[in-house]
Amino acid sequence: MVTIETFRALALSFPDATEEPHFEKTSFRISKKIFATFDEKNNTAVLKLTEIDQSVFCASSEMIFYPVPNKWGKQGWTIVALSKVRPEMFEDALILSYQTVAFKKK
């Protein structure tokens, strides 16, 4: 299980990462671009992964990782059930999410 405190500490440990509100959620950003959000009501995170990374995480843990059910999901946005995910697995996914956004070619 991953708590919001653990999520926040890890997300803000990345270079230049910031925390900002995003509608009813908390977002974590790099250069004003979101790489992760936290939904307190549902105890979930949404991470921006590449399509390949998304397919790997979703295939290995369908009840923990699953695409956002709309066009955003087809772009790599992935829901993570924080009450079920192992901290190490979440950390790996969050690192990839940060890298996906931070190093995206312009």
C-alpha atoms as a PDB file:
ATOM      1  CA  MET A   1       0.000   0.000   0.000  1.00  0.00           C
ATOM      2  CA  VAL A   2       1.181   3.506  -0.840  1.00  0.00           C
ATOM      3  CA  THR A   3       0.088   6.466   1.286  1.00  0.00           C
ATOM      4  CA  ILE A   4      -0.258  10.021   0.024  1.00  0.00           C
ATOM      5  CA  GLU A   5       2.697  10.953   2.223  1.00  0.00           C
ATOM      6  CA  THR A   6       4.885   8.360   0.499  1.00  0.00           C
ATOM      7  CA  PHE A   7       3.533   9.368  -2.924  1.00  0.00           C
ATOM      8  CA  ARG A   8       4.166  13.067  -2.241  1.00  0.00           C
ATOM      9  CA  ALA A   9       7.684  12.527  -0.880  1.00  0.00           C
ATOM     10  CA  LEU A  10       8.694  10.423  -3.856  1.00  0.00           C
ATOM     11  CA  ALA A  11       7.081  12.701  -6.468  1.00  0.00           C
ATOM     12  CA  LEU A  12       8.663  15.814  -4.991  1.00  0.00           C
ATOM     13  CA  SER A  13      12.081  14.163  -4.799  1.00  0.00           C
ATOM     14  CA  PHE A  14      12.446  14.472  -8.593  1.00  0.00           C
ATOM     15  CA  PRO A  15      14.338  17.503  -9.902  1.00  0.00           C
ATOM     16  CA  ASP A  16      12.083  20.554 -10.398  1.00  0.00           C
ATOM     17  CA  ALA A  17       8.898  18.657  -9.466  1.00  0.00           C
ATOM     18  CA  THR A  18       6.061  20.734  -8.004  1.00  0.00           C
ATOM     19  CA  GLU A  19       2.725  19.995  -6.362  1.00  0.00           C
ATOM     20  CA  GLU A  20      -0.350  21.912  -7.518  1.00  0.00           C
ATOM     21  CA  PRO A  21      -4.118  21.516  -7.346  1.00  0.00           C
ATOM     22  CA  HIS A  22      -5.815  20.041 -10.405  1.00  0.00           C
ATOM     23  CA  PHE A  23      -9.606  20.289 -10.131  1.00  0.00           C
ATOM     24  CA  GLU A  24     -10.516  18.066  -7.151  1.00  0.00           C
ATOM     25  CA  LYS A  25      -7.157  16.262  -7.284  1.00  0.00           C
ATOM     26  CA  THR A  26      -3.551  16.937  -6.408  1.00  0.00           C
ATOM     27  CA  SER A  27      -1.139  17.032  -9.332  1.00  0.00           C
ATOM     28  CA  PHE A  28       2.605  16.643  -9.540  1.00  0.00           C
ATOM     29  CA  ARG A  29       4.292  18.476 -12.388  1.00  0.00           C
ATOM     30  CA  ILE A  30       7.536  19.079 -14.171  1.00  0.00           C
ATOM     31  CA  SER A  31       7.812  22.250 -16.282  1.00  0.00           C
ATOM     32  CA  LYS A  32       4.069  22.856 -15.737  1.00  0.00           C
ATOM     33  CA  LYS A  33       3.223  19.445 -17.259  1.00  0.00           C
ATOM     34  CA  ILE A  34       1.469  16.822 -15.157  1.00  0.00           C
ATOM     35  CA  PHE A  35       3.239  13.512 -14.646  1.00  0.00           C
ATOM     36  CA  ALA A  36       0.988  12.221 -11.840  1.00  0.00           C
ATOM     37  CA  THR A  37      -2.224  13.001  -9.985  1.00  0.00           C
ATOM     38  CA  PHE A  38      -3.666  11.809  -6.689  1.00  0.00           C
ATOM     39  CA  ASP A  39      -7.389  11.241  -6.203  1.00  0.00           C
ATOM     40  CA  GLU A  40      -7.988  11.160  -2.453  1.00  0.00           C
ATOM     41  CA  LYS A  41     -11.649  10.167  -2.776  1.00  0.00           C
ATOM     42  CA  ASN A  42     -10.796   6.975  -4.685  1.00  0.00           C
ATOM     43  CA  ASN A  43      -7.286   6.463  -3.260  1.00  0.00           C
ATOM     44  CA  THR A  44      -5.840   6.226  -6.751  1.00  0.00           C
ATOM     45  CA  ALA A  45      -3.027   7.771  -8.709  1.00  0.00           C
ATOM     46  CA  VAL A  46      -2.961   8.481 -12.413  1.00  0.00           C
ATOM     47  CA  LEU A  47       0.431   8.295 -14.091  1.00  0.00           C
ATOM     48  CA  LYS A  48       1.561   9.261 -17.585  1.00  0.00           C
ATOM     49  CA  LEU A  49       3.325   6.254 -19.101  1.00  0.00           C
ATOM     50  CA  THR A  50       4.389   5.399 -22.614  1.00  0.00           C
ATOM     51  CA  GLU A  51       2.031   2.975 -24.341  1.00  0.00           C
ATOM     52  CA  ILE A  52       4.631   0.213 -23.963  1.00  0.00           C
ATOM     53  CA  ASP A  53       5.201   0.857 -20.241  1.00  0.00           C
ATOM     54  CA  GLN A  54       1.445   1.035 -19.707  1.00  0.00           C
ATOM     55  CA  SER A  55       0.917  -2.337 -21.389  1.00  0.00           C
ATOM     56  CA  VAL A  56       3.660  -3.956 -19.287  1.00  0.00           C
ATOM     57  CA  PHE A  57       2.306  -2.685 -15.946  1.00  0.00           C
ATOM     58  CA  CYS A  58      -1.309  -3.435 -16.859  1.00  0.00           C
ATOM     59  CA  ALA A  59      -0.496  -6.962 -18.071  1.00  0.00           C
ATOM     60  CA  SER A  60       1.414  -7.826 -14.917  1.00  0.00           C
ATOM     61  CA  SER A  61      -1.125  -6.430 -12.449  1.00  0.00           C
ATOM     62  CA  GLU A  62      -4.590  -5.914 -13.982  1.00  0.00           C
ATOM     63  CA  MET A  63      -6.264  -5.214 -10.638  1.00  0.00           C
ATOM     64  CA  ILE A  64      -3.662  -2.600  -9.723  1.00  0.00           C
ATOM     65  CA  PHE A  65      -2.808  -0.848 -13.012  1.00  0.00           C
ATOM     66  CA  TYR A  66      -5.359  -0.114 -15.728  1.00  0.00           C
ATOM     67  CA  PRO A  67      -5.730   2.496 -18.481  1.00  0.00           C
ATOM     68  CA  VAL A  68      -7.949   5.516 -17.880  1.00  0.00           C
ATOM     69  CA  PRO A  69     -11.164   4.446 -19.655  1.00  0.00           C
ATOM     70  CA  ASN A  70     -11.251   7.037 -22.449  1.00  0.00           C
ATOM     71  CA  LYS A  71      -8.972   8.661 -25.014  1.00  0.00           C
ATOM     72  CA  TRP A  72      -6.570   9.641 -22.219  1.00  0.00           C
ATOM     73  CA  GLY A  73      -5.965   5.961 -21.498  1.00  0.00           C
ATOM     74  CA  LYS A  74      -4.965   5.418 -25.116  1.00  0.00           C
ATOM     75  CA  GLN A  75      -2.329   8.119 -24.623  1.00  0.00           C
ATOM     76  CA  GLY A  76      -0.726   6.260 -21.716  1.00  0.00           C
ATOM     77  CA  TRP A  77      -2.588   7.718 -18.739  1.00  0.00           C
ATOM     78  CA  THR A  78      -2.823   4.865 -16.253  1.00  0.00           C
ATOM     79  CA  ILE A  79      -4.775   4.468 -13.012  1.00  0.00           C
ATOM     80  CA  VAL A  80      -3.003   2.876 -10.047  1.00  0.00           C
ATOM     81  CA  ALA A  81      -4.904   1.450  -7.058  1.00  0.00           C
ATOM     82  CA  LEU A  82      -2.761   2.760  -4.199  1.00  0.00           C
ATOM     83  CA  SER A  83      -4.277   0.395  -1.625  1.00  0.00           C
ATOM     84  CA  LYS A  84      -3.099  -2.629  -3.640  1.00  0.00           C
ATOM     85  CA  VAL A  85       0.207  -1.644  -5.211  1.00  0.00           C
ATOM     86  CA  ARG A  86       3.545  -2.650  -3.707  1.00  0.00           C
ATOM     87  CA  PRO A  87       5.636   0.439  -2.907  1.00  0.00           C
ATOM     88  CA  GLU A  88       8.553  -0.762  -5.062  1.00  0.00           C
ATOM     89  CA  MET A  89       6.304  -1.284  -8.086  1.00  0.00           C
ATOM     90  CA  PHE A  90       4.676   2.119  -7.606  1.00  0.00           C
ATOM     91  CA  GLU A  91       8.081   3.772  -7.324  1.00  0.00           C
ATOM     92  CA  ASP A  92       9.186   2.156 -10.608  1.00  0.00           C
ATOM     93  CA  ALA A  93       6.015   3.351 -12.367  1.00  0.00           C
ATOM     94  CA  LEU A  94       6.281   6.874 -10.923  1.00  0.00           C
ATOM     95  CA  ILE A  95       9.904   7.178 -12.050  1.00  0.00           C
ATOM     96  CA  LEU A  96       8.882   6.161 -15.573  1.00  0.00           C
ATOM     97  CA  SER A  97       5.995   8.639 -15.488  1.00  0.00           C
ATOM     98  CA  TYR A  98       8.304  11.471 -14.474  1.00  0.00           C
ATOM     99  CA  GLN A  99      10.820  10.517 -17.164  1.00  0.00           C
ATOM    100  CA  THR A 100       8.102  10.225 -19.814  1.00  0.00           C
ATOM    101  CA  VAL A 101       7.020  13.819 -19.196  1.00  0.00           C
ATOM    102  CA  ALA A 102      10.374  15.385 -18.286  1.00  0.00           C
ATOM    103  CA  PHE A 103      12.263  14.013 -21.268  1.00  0.00           C
ATOM    104  CA  LYS A 104       9.518  14.172 -23.883  1.00  0.00           C
ATOM    105  CA  LYS A 105      10.859  15.394 -27.212  1.00  0.00           C
ATOM    106  CA  LYS A 106       9.443  18.746 -28.200  1.00  0.00           C
END
